[in-house]
């Protein structure tokens, strides 16, 4: 079984044996041809998502979503999950996600190396919102997005543990992919197809006995924590957006009280531009 050595005498199982390690390049469509309408759409999306950087709050969220270490990845999901997620408070959940992330890395590395697609910030010779990562990631293929894959895998596994929070968790996982577009590290097609790989990874994880045993431990840990009420995220945080009268456009930008538009859904105060 494949594994990652993360420290001396410390090995993280990725749950997917090398014998069934998927080769997504055999079924993914691959990056669009540079002369295609699909690539024109990729370029359009790159420019459009850069405009969301004007929303300082969303830009900060996108930068935070760029961190890949397990403690920070789990922290990004705490509010959606409704409970603190950490090695100290939820070690079984932590172990589950850690192994799944190891599997995700290995599965994504294969198509990344196969296509070695140029990242958009390199293509346009521009800086991203995470400049310290540019040198390293410019040497790493853009397609598919590893961050997006891991975000969606995390959302799916945490939903299995806490199904009552499914919508919030999937929204959080979805937004991690959008964050990769906002910071300028990926094309839209990188993000879209990464979610397909995430589905394959999760399916394969569920065929592994070690994973299934760890999932049961994670579920039991969650139920025990839920029963005691310990380590739950504050209800003030969970309900921070309830009753919020802030208006947003479809692009996610905040709108002031003088904004003119058509209200589409009062629960989210979403407006469509005239």
C-alpha atoms as a PDB file:
ATOM      1  CA  UNK A   1       0.000   0.000   0.000  1.00  0.00           C
ATOM      2  CA  UNK A   2       1.306   3.451  -0.846  1.00  0.00           C
ATOM      3  CA  UNK A   3       2.424   5.701   1.954  1.00  0.00           C
ATOM      4  CA  UNK A   4       3.979   9.089   2.646  1.00  0.00           C
ATOM      5  CA  UNK A   5       6.811   9.416   5.140  1.00  0.00           C
ATOM      6  CA  UNK A   6       6.177  12.744   6.841  1.00  0.00           C
ATOM      7  CA  UNK A   7       8.712  12.526   9.668  1.00  0.00           C
ATOM      8  CA  UNK A   8      11.165  10.057  11.154  1.00  0.00           C
ATOM      9  CA  UNK A   9       9.291   6.878  12.155  1.00  0.00           C
ATOM     10  CA  UNK A  10       6.004   8.444  10.991  1.00  0.00           C
ATOM     11  CA  UNK A  11       4.147   7.038   7.997  1.00  0.00           C
ATOM     12  CA  UNK A  12       0.750   8.107   6.683  1.00  0.00           C
ATOM     13  CA  UNK A  13      -1.178   5.480   4.741  1.00  0.00           C
ATOM     14  CA  UNK A  14      -2.951   6.840   1.693  1.00  0.00           C
ATOM     15  CA  UNK A  15      -5.423   3.904   1.642  1.00  0.00           C
ATOM     16  CA  UNK A  16      -5.151   3.326  -2.123  1.00  0.00           C
ATOM     17  CA  UNK A  17      -2.779   0.472  -3.091  1.00  0.00           C
ATOM     18  CA  UNK A  18      -0.404   1.123  -5.960  1.00  0.00           C
ATOM     19  CA  UNK A  19      -2.078  -1.744  -7.825  1.00  0.00           C
ATOM     20  CA  UNK A  20      -5.292   0.284  -8.185  1.00  0.00           C
ATOM     21  CA  UNK A  21      -3.786   3.762  -8.216  1.00  0.00           C
ATOM     22  CA  UNK A  22      -5.930   5.554 -10.820  1.00  0.00           C
ATOM     23  CA  UNK A  23      -4.451   7.153 -13.918  1.00  0.00           C
ATOM     24  CA  UNK A  24      -6.890   9.960 -14.534  1.00  0.00           C
ATOM     25  CA  UNK A  25      -5.151  10.957 -17.773  1.00  0.00           C
ATOM     26  CA  UNK A  26      -6.755   7.887 -19.373  1.00  0.00           C
ATOM     27  CA  UNK A  27     -10.276   9.267 -18.973  1.00  0.00           C
ATOM     28  CA  UNK A  28     -10.078  13.004 -18.269  1.00  0.00           C
ATOM     29  CA  UNK A  29     -10.587  15.233 -21.328  1.00  0.00           C
ATOM     30  CA  UNK A  30      -7.312  17.032 -20.612  1.00  0.00           C
ATOM     31  CA  UNK A  31      -6.580  20.761 -20.888  1.00  0.00           C
ATOM     32  CA  UNK A  32      -8.417  22.460 -23.751  1.00  0.00           C
ATOM     33  CA  UNK A  33      -6.507  23.182 -26.930  1.00  0.00           C
ATOM     34  CA  UNK A  34      -5.218  26.761 -27.102  1.00  0.00           C
ATOM     35  CA  UNK A  35      -7.242  27.371 -30.302  1.00  0.00           C
ATOM     36  CA  UNK A  36     -10.535  26.135 -28.822  1.00  0.00           C
ATOM     37  CA  UNK A  37     -13.541  27.982 -27.447  1.00  0.00           C
ATOM     38  CA  UNK A  38     -12.960  26.111 -24.182  1.00  0.00           C
ATOM     39  CA  UNK A  39      -9.561  27.775 -23.813  1.00  0.00           C
ATOM     40  CA  UNK A  40     -11.079  31.145 -24.675  1.00  0.00           C
ATOM     41  CA  UNK A  41     -13.510  30.543 -21.817  1.00  0.00           C
ATOM     42  CA  UNK A  42     -10.596  29.652 -19.526  1.00  0.00           C
ATOM     43  CA  UNK A  43      -8.958  32.982 -20.366  1.00  0.00           C
ATOM     44  CA  UNK A  44     -12.220  34.857 -19.853  1.00  0.00           C
ATOM     45  CA  UNK A  45     -12.668  33.230 -16.440  1.00  0.00           C
ATOM     46  CA  UNK A  46      -9.102  34.068 -15.449  1.00  0.00           C
ATOM     47  CA  UNK A  47      -9.749  37.755 -16.060  1.00  0.00           C
ATOM     48  CA  UNK A  48     -13.213  37.689 -14.473  1.00  0.00           C
ATOM     49  CA  UNK A  49     -12.183  35.975 -11.252  1.00  0.00           C
ATOM     50  CA  UNK A  50      -9.388  38.500 -10.793  1.00  0.00           C
ATOM     51  CA  UNK A  51     -12.103  41.131 -10.332  1.00  0.00           C
ATOM     52  CA  UNK A  52     -13.211  39.349  -7.147  1.00  0.00           C
ATOM     53  CA  UNK A  53      -9.918  40.408  -5.592  1.00  0.00           C
ATOM     54  CA  UNK A  54     -11.562  43.807  -5.209  1.00  0.00           C
ATOM     55  CA  UNK A  55     -13.639  42.241  -2.433  1.00  0.00           C
ATOM     56  CA  UNK A  56     -10.992  42.322   0.289  1.00  0.00           C
ATOM     57  CA  UNK A  57     -12.806  39.808   2.483  1.00  0.00           C
ATOM     58  CA  UNK A  58     -13.112  37.255  -0.321  1.00  0.00           C
ATOM     59  CA  UNK A  59      -9.507  37.826  -1.385  1.00  0.00           C
ATOM     60  CA  UNK A  60      -8.303  37.068   2.142  1.00  0.00           C
ATOM     61  CA  UNK A  61     -10.399  33.898   2.167  1.00  0.00           C
ATOM     62  CA  UNK A  62      -8.815  32.847  -1.120  1.00  0.00           C
ATOM     63  CA  UNK A  63      -5.323  33.341   0.302  1.00  0.00           C
ATOM     64  CA  UNK A  64      -6.205  31.321   3.408  1.00  0.00           C
ATOM     65  CA  UNK A  65      -7.547  28.521   1.190  1.00  0.00           C
ATOM     66  CA  UNK A  66      -4.101  28.252  -0.426  1.00  0.00           C
ATOM     67  CA  UNK A  67      -2.550  26.638   2.662  1.00  0.00           C
ATOM     68  CA  UNK A  68      -2.216  22.869   2.193  1.00  0.00           C
ATOM     69  CA  UNK A  69      -1.036  21.570   5.585  1.00  0.00           C
ATOM     70  CA  UNK A  70      -3.645  19.340   7.222  1.00  0.00           C
ATOM     71  CA  UNK A  71      -4.247  21.435  10.378  1.00  0.00           C
ATOM     72  CA  UNK A  72      -5.056  24.501   8.280  1.00  0.00           C
ATOM     73  CA  UNK A  73      -7.156  22.570   5.764  1.00  0.00           C
ATOM     74  CA  UNK A  74      -9.320  21.250   8.603  1.00  0.00           C
ATOM     75  CA  UNK A  75      -9.546  24.697  10.171  1.00  0.00           C
ATOM     76  CA  UNK A  76     -11.035  25.989   6.902  1.00  0.00           C
ATOM     77  CA  UNK A  77     -13.888  23.488   7.384  1.00  0.00           C
ATOM     78  CA  UNK A  78     -14.565  24.017  11.098  1.00  0.00           C
ATOM     79  CA  UNK A  79     -17.372  26.525  10.724  1.00  0.00           C
ATOM     80  CA  UNK A  80     -19.131  24.424   8.083  1.00  0.00           C
ATOM     81  CA  UNK A  81     -18.671  21.255  10.142  1.00  0.00           C
ATOM     82  CA  UNK A  82     -19.823  22.928  13.354  1.00  0.00           C
ATOM     83  CA  UNK A  83     -16.991  21.596  15.495  1.00  0.00           C
ATOM     84  CA  UNK A  84     -13.306  22.174  16.096  1.00  0.00           C
ATOM     85  CA  UNK A  85     -11.233  19.876  13.905  1.00  0.00           C
ATOM     86  CA  UNK A  86      -7.671  19.234  15.026  1.00  0.00           C
ATOM     87  CA  UNK A  87      -5.209  16.503  15.931  1.00  0.00           C
ATOM     88  CA  UNK A  88      -5.757  17.325  19.598  1.00  0.00           C
ATOM     89  CA  UNK A  89      -9.569  17.496  19.627  1.00  0.00           C
ATOM     90  CA  UNK A  90     -10.515  15.069  16.841  1.00  0.00           C
ATOM     91  CA  UNK A  91      -7.535  12.738  16.247  1.00  0.00           C
ATOM     92  CA  UNK A  92      -9.559  10.066  14.423  1.00  0.00           C
ATOM     93  CA  UNK A  93     -11.036  12.559  11.969  1.00  0.00           C
ATOM     94  CA  UNK A  94      -7.588  14.088  11.544  1.00  0.00           C
ATOM     95  CA  UNK A  95      -6.076  10.685  10.739  1.00  0.00           C
ATOM     96  CA  UNK A  96      -8.830   9.952   8.224  1.00  0.00           C
ATOM     97  CA  UNK A  97      -8.365  13.227   6.353  1.00  0.00           C
ATOM     98  CA  UNK A  98      -4.575  12.983   6.521  1.00  0.00           C
ATOM     99  CA  UNK A  99      -4.648   9.609   4.756  1.00  0.00           C
ATOM    100  CA  UNK A 100      -7.151  10.842   2.182  1.00  0.00           C
ATOM    101  CA  UNK A 101      -4.961  13.863   1.405  1.00  0.00           C
ATOM    102  CA  UNK A 102      -1.999  11.567   0.851  1.00  0.00           C
ATOM    103  CA  UNK A 103      -4.078   9.614  -1.664  1.00  0.00           C
ATOM    104  CA  UNK A 104      -5.224  12.822  -3.362  1.00  0.00           C
ATOM    105  CA  UNK A 105      -1.650  14.032  -3.801  1.00  0.00           C
ATOM    106  CA  UNK A 106      -0.589  10.808  -5.483  1.00  0.00           C
ATOM    107  CA  UNK A 107      -3.637  10.609  -7.755  1.00  0.00           C
ATOM    108  CA  UNK A 108      -3.293  14.249  -8.912  1.00  0.00           C
ATOM    109  CA  UNK A 109       0.464  14.043  -9.442  1.00  0.00           C
ATOM    110  CA  UNK A 110       0.061  11.561 -12.306  1.00  0.00           C
ATOM    111  CA  UNK A 111      -2.116  13.688 -14.655  1.00  0.00           C
ATOM    112  CA  UNK A 112      -0.253  16.844 -13.612  1.00  0.00           C
ATOM    113  CA  UNK A 113       3.002  15.312 -14.805  1.00  0.00           C
ATOM    114  CA  UNK A 114       1.340  13.862 -17.921  1.00  0.00           C
ATOM    115  CA  UNK A 115       0.002  17.174 -19.242  1.00  0.00           C
ATOM    116  CA  UNK A 116       2.263  19.629 -17.384  1.00  0.00           C
ATOM    117  CA  UNK A 117      -0.072  22.477 -18.263  1.00  0.00           C
ATOM    118  CA  UNK A 118       1.273  26.016 -17.903  1.00  0.00           C
ATOM    119  CA  UNK A 119      -0.389  27.906 -15.082  1.00  0.00           C
ATOM    120  CA  UNK A 120      -2.277  31.095 -15.999  1.00  0.00           C
ATOM    121  CA  UNK A 121      -0.030  33.453 -14.038  1.00  0.00           C
ATOM    122  CA  UNK A 122       2.953  32.087 -15.977  1.00  0.00           C
ATOM    123  CA  UNK A 123       1.058  32.265 -19.280  1.00  0.00           C
ATOM    124  CA  UNK A 124       0.164  35.930 -18.695  1.00  0.00           C
ATOM    125  CA  UNK A 125       3.424  36.752 -16.861  1.00  0.00           C
ATOM    126  CA  UNK A 126       1.540  38.165 -13.871  1.00  0.00           C
ATOM    127  CA  UNK A 127       1.702  37.811 -10.117  1.00  0.00           C
ATOM    128  CA  UNK A 128      -0.861  35.969  -8.002  1.00  0.00           C
ATOM    129  CA  UNK A 129      -2.242  36.715  -4.548  1.00  0.00           C
ATOM    130  CA  UNK A 130       0.203  34.127  -3.170  1.00  0.00           C
ATOM    131  CA  UNK A 131       3.536  35.263  -4.645  1.00  0.00           C
ATOM    132  CA  UNK A 132       5.645  33.138  -2.303  1.00  0.00           C
ATOM    133  CA  UNK A 133       4.218  30.008  -3.982  1.00  0.00           C
ATOM    134  CA  UNK A 134       4.822  31.143  -7.543  1.00  0.00           C
ATOM    135  CA  UNK A 135       8.373  29.844  -7.989  1.00  0.00           C
ATOM    136  CA  UNK A 136       7.470  26.365  -6.745  1.00  0.00           C
ATOM    137  CA  UNK A 137       4.120  26.035  -8.499  1.00  0.00           C
ATOM    138  CA  UNK A 138       5.415  27.382 -11.816  1.00  0.00           C
ATOM    139  CA  UNK A 139       7.346  24.091 -11.977  1.00  0.00           C
ATOM    140  CA  UNK A 140       4.204  22.069 -11.243  1.00  0.00           C
ATOM    141  CA  UNK A 141       1.449  21.292 -13.739  1.00  0.00           C
ATOM    142  CA  UNK A 142      -1.739  23.347 -13.538  1.00  0.00           C
ATOM    143  CA  UNK A 143      -4.173  20.607 -14.632  1.00  0.00           C
ATOM    144  CA  UNK A 144      -5.913  19.351 -12.579  1.00  0.00           C
ATOM    145  CA  UNK A 145      -6.033  21.511  -9.445  1.00  0.00           C
ATOM    146  CA  UNK A 146      -4.702  19.617  -6.441  1.00  0.00           C
ATOM    147  CA  UNK A 147      -6.125  22.123  -3.951  1.00  0.00           C
ATOM    148  CA  UNK A 148      -9.579  21.735  -5.474  1.00  0.00           C
ATOM    149  CA  UNK A 149      -9.371  17.955  -5.416  1.00  0.00           C
ATOM    150  CA  UNK A 150      -8.361  17.891  -1.756  1.00  0.00           C
ATOM    151  CA  UNK A 151     -11.005  20.449  -0.817  1.00  0.00           C
ATOM    152  CA  UNK A 152     -13.777  18.431  -2.434  1.00  0.00           C
ATOM    153  CA  UNK A 153     -12.532  15.161  -0.955  1.00  0.00           C
ATOM    154  CA  UNK A 154     -12.510  16.759   2.490  1.00  0.00           C
ATOM    155  CA  UNK A 155     -16.036  18.068   1.982  1.00  0.00           C
ATOM    156  CA  UNK A 156     -17.318  14.628   0.938  1.00  0.00           C
ATOM    157  CA  UNK A 157     -15.672  12.768   3.819  1.00  0.00           C
ATOM    158  CA  UNK A 158     -16.747  15.292   6.453  1.00  0.00           C
ATOM    159  CA  UNK A 159     -20.283  15.102   5.051  1.00  0.00           C
ATOM    160  CA  UNK A 160     -20.240  11.339   5.541  1.00  0.00           C
ATOM    161  CA  UNK A 161     -19.316  11.943   9.172  1.00  0.00           C
ATOM    162  CA  UNK A 162     -21.765  14.796   9.721  1.00  0.00           C
ATOM    163  CA  UNK A 163     -24.489  14.559   7.028  1.00  0.00           C
ATOM    164  CA  UNK A 164     -26.655  17.234   8.631  1.00  0.00           C
ATOM    165  CA  UNK A 165     -24.069  19.811   7.547  1.00  0.00           C
ATOM    166  CA  UNK A 166     -23.817  18.533   3.954  1.00  0.00           C
ATOM    167  CA  UNK A 167     -24.795  21.762   2.188  1.00  0.00           C
ATOM    168  CA  UNK A 168     -22.441  23.909   4.250  1.00  0.00           C
ATOM    169  CA  UNK A 169     -19.572  21.469   3.805  1.00  0.00           C
ATOM    170  CA  UNK A 170     -20.034  21.171   0.042  1.00  0.00           C
ATOM    171  CA  UNK A 171     -20.282  24.941  -0.277  1.00  0.00           C
ATOM    172  CA  UNK A 172     -16.975  25.246   1.604  1.00  0.00           C
ATOM    173  CA  UNK A 173     -15.354  22.581  -0.584  1.00  0.00           C
ATOM    174  CA  UNK A 174     -16.676  24.270  -3.727  1.00  0.00           C
ATOM    175  CA  UNK A 175     -15.330  27.647  -2.665  1.00  0.00           C
ATOM    176  CA  UNK A 176     -11.820  26.254  -2.218  1.00  0.00           C
ATOM    177  CA  UNK A 177     -11.802  25.637  -5.961  1.00  0.00           C
ATOM    178  CA  UNK A 178     -13.076  29.154  -6.627  1.00  0.00           C
ATOM    179  CA  UNK A 179     -10.302  30.483  -4.398  1.00  0.00           C
ATOM    180  CA  UNK A 180      -7.723  28.942  -6.741  1.00  0.00           C
ATOM    181  CA  UNK A 181      -9.211  31.016  -9.557  1.00  0.00           C
ATOM    182  CA  UNK A 182      -9.289  34.198  -7.495  1.00  0.00           C
ATOM    183  CA  UNK A 183      -5.634  33.967  -6.464  1.00  0.00           C
ATOM    184  CA  UNK A 184      -4.720  33.276 -10.103  1.00  0.00           C
ATOM    185  CA  UNK A 185      -3.111  29.859  -9.744  1.00  0.00           C
ATOM    186  CA  UNK A 186      -5.474  27.880 -11.988  1.00  0.00           C
ATOM    187  CA  UNK A 187      -7.618  27.873 -15.085  1.00  0.00           C
ATOM    188  CA  UNK A 188     -11.336  27.147 -14.732  1.00  0.00           C
ATOM    189  CA  UNK A 189     -10.982  23.758 -16.468  1.00  0.00           C
ATOM    190  CA  UNK A 190      -8.291  22.778 -13.931  1.00  0.00           C
ATOM    191  CA  UNK A 191     -10.789  23.315 -11.146  1.00  0.00           C
ATOM    192  CA  UNK A 192     -13.790  21.726 -12.856  1.00  0.00           C
ATOM    193  CA  UNK A 193     -12.018  18.476 -13.715  1.00  0.00           C
ATOM    194  CA  UNK A 194     -10.310  18.235 -10.319  1.00  0.00           C
ATOM    195  CA  UNK A 195     -13.730  17.663  -8.741  1.00  0.00           C
ATOM    196  CA  UNK A 196     -14.162  14.640 -11.021  1.00  0.00           C
ATOM    197  CA  UNK A 197     -10.886  13.189  -9.732  1.00  0.00           C
ATOM    198  CA  UNK A 198     -12.073  13.826  -6.170  1.00  0.00           C
ATOM    199  CA  UNK A 199     -15.098  11.624  -6.854  1.00  0.00           C
ATOM    200  CA  UNK A 200     -12.858   8.821  -8.146  1.00  0.00           C
ATOM    201  CA  UNK A 201     -10.593   9.071  -5.100  1.00  0.00           C
ATOM    202  CA  UNK A 202     -13.494   8.897  -2.655  1.00  0.00           C
ATOM    203  CA  UNK A 203     -14.935   5.868  -4.466  1.00  0.00           C
ATOM    204  CA  UNK A 204     -11.597   4.070  -4.245  1.00  0.00           C
ATOM    205  CA  UNK A 205     -11.155   5.015  -0.595  1.00  0.00           C
ATOM    206  CA  UNK A 206     -14.431   3.255   0.166  1.00  0.00           C
ATOM    207  CA  UNK A 207     -13.083   0.045  -1.340  1.00  0.00           C
ATOM    208  CA  UNK A 208     -10.256  -0.060   1.206  1.00  0.00           C
ATOM    209  CA  UNK A 209     -10.699  -1.919   4.504  1.00  0.00           C
ATOM    210  CA  UNK A 210      -8.281   0.293   6.445  1.00  0.00           C
ATOM    211  CA  UNK A 211     -10.117   3.405   5.298  1.00  0.00           C
ATOM    212  CA  UNK A 212     -13.513   1.994   6.221  1.00  0.00           C
ATOM    213  CA  UNK A 213     -12.280   1.108   9.702  1.00  0.00           C
ATOM    214  CA  UNK A 214     -10.861   4.607  10.162  1.00  0.00           C
ATOM    215  CA  UNK A 215     -14.108   6.143   8.917  1.00  0.00           C
ATOM    216  CA  UNK A 216     -16.039   4.251  11.609  1.00  0.00           C
ATOM    217  CA  UNK A 217     -13.606   5.542  14.232  1.00  0.00           C
ATOM    218  CA  UNK A 218     -14.081   9.076  12.903  1.00  0.00           C
ATOM    219  CA  UNK A 219     -17.877   8.771  13.015  1.00  0.00           C
ATOM    220  CA  UNK A 220     -17.777   7.426  16.569  1.00  0.00           C
ATOM    221  CA  UNK A 221     -15.487  10.242  17.647  1.00  0.00           C
ATOM    222  CA  UNK A 222     -17.847  12.821  16.156  1.00  0.00           C
ATOM    223  CA  UNK A 223     -20.882  11.333  17.879  1.00  0.00           C
ATOM    224  CA  UNK A 224     -19.048  11.291  21.212  1.00  0.00           C
ATOM    225  CA  UNK A 225     -17.981  14.920  20.838  1.00  0.00           C
ATOM    226  CA  UNK A 226     -21.468  15.888  19.725  1.00  0.00           C
ATOM    227  CA  UNK A 227     -23.010  14.189  22.767  1.00  0.00           C
ATOM    228  CA  UNK A 228     -20.768  16.070  25.202  1.00  0.00           C
ATOM    229  CA  UNK A 229     -20.999  19.383  23.392  1.00  0.00           C
ATOM    230  CA  UNK A 230     -17.254  19.847  23.872  1.00  0.00           C
ATOM    231  CA  UNK A 231     -15.226  21.603  21.182  1.00  0.00           C
ATOM    232  CA  UNK A 232     -18.294  22.738  19.266  1.00  0.00           C
ATOM    233  CA  UNK A 233     -17.848  25.911  17.268  1.00  0.00           C
ATOM    234  CA  UNK A 234     -19.709  28.809  18.835  1.00  0.00           C
ATOM    235  CA  UNK A 235     -23.314  29.140  17.729  1.00  0.00           C
ATOM    236  CA  UNK A 236     -22.600  32.831  17.206  1.00  0.00           C
ATOM    237  CA  UNK A 237     -20.109  31.819  14.519  1.00  0.00           C
ATOM    238  CA  UNK A 238     -22.413  29.202  12.989  1.00  0.00           C
ATOM    239  CA  UNK A 239     -25.247  31.699  12.775  1.00  0.00           C
ATOM    240  CA  UNK A 240     -23.123  34.682  11.787  1.00  0.00           C
ATOM    241  CA  UNK A 241     -24.873  35.013   8.438  1.00  0.00           C
ATOM    242  CA  UNK A 242     -28.408  34.355   9.683  1.00  0.00           C
ATOM    243  CA  UNK A 243     -30.422  37.514   9.401  1.00  0.00           C
ATOM    244  CA  UNK A 244     -27.499  39.289   7.754  1.00  0.00           C
ATOM    245  CA  UNK A 245     -28.834  42.106   5.588  1.00  0.00           C
ATOM    246  CA  UNK A 246     -25.634  42.460   3.574  1.00  0.00           C
ATOM    247  CA  UNK A 247     -26.390  42.454  -0.157  1.00  0.00           C
ATOM    248  CA  UNK A 248     -24.252  40.627  -2.702  1.00  0.00           C
ATOM    249  CA  UNK A 249     -24.199  40.535  -6.483  1.00  0.00           C
ATOM    250  CA  UNK A 250     -24.035  37.261  -8.406  1.00  0.00           C
ATOM    251  CA  UNK A 251     -20.284  37.758  -8.669  1.00  0.00           C
ATOM    252  CA  UNK A 252     -19.994  37.700  -4.883  1.00  0.00           C
ATOM    253  CA  UNK A 253     -19.254  41.420  -4.573  1.00  0.00           C
ATOM    254  CA  UNK A 254     -20.858  43.387  -1.744  1.00  0.00           C
ATOM    255  CA  UNK A 255     -23.515  45.904  -2.766  1.00  0.00           C
ATOM    256  CA  UNK A 256     -24.341  49.067  -0.834  1.00  0.00           C
ATOM    257  CA  UNK A 257     -27.851  50.251   0.037  1.00  0.00           C
ATOM    258  CA  UNK A 258     -28.098  52.181  -3.220  1.00  0.00           C
ATOM    259  CA  UNK A 259     -27.483  49.108  -5.344  1.00  0.00           C
ATOM    260  CA  UNK A 260     -30.076  48.539  -8.074  1.00  0.00           C
ATOM    261  CA  UNK A 261     -30.839  45.002  -9.068  1.00  0.00           C
ATOM    262  CA  UNK A 262     -33.307  42.135  -8.925  1.00  0.00           C
ATOM    263  CA  UNK A 263     -33.486  40.155  -5.703  1.00  0.00           C
ATOM    264  CA  UNK A 264     -33.166  36.472  -6.578  1.00  0.00           C
ATOM    265  CA  UNK A 265     -33.074  34.709  -3.231  1.00  0.00           C
ATOM    266  CA  UNK A 266     -33.751  36.467   0.049  1.00  0.00           C
ATOM    267  CA  UNK A 267     -31.975  33.843   2.146  1.00  0.00           C
ATOM    268  CA  UNK A 268     -28.668  34.870   0.642  1.00  0.00           C
ATOM    269  CA  UNK A 269     -29.575  38.419  -0.376  1.00  0.00           C
ATOM    270  CA  UNK A 270     -28.333  37.730  -3.893  1.00  0.00           C
ATOM    271  CA  UNK A 271     -28.946  40.326  -6.585  1.00  0.00           C
ATOM    272  CA  UNK A 272     -28.783  40.129 -10.338  1.00  0.00           C
ATOM    273  CA  UNK A 273     -27.385  43.125 -12.180  1.00  0.00           C
ATOM    274  CA  UNK A 274     -29.693  45.041 -14.485  1.00  0.00           C
END
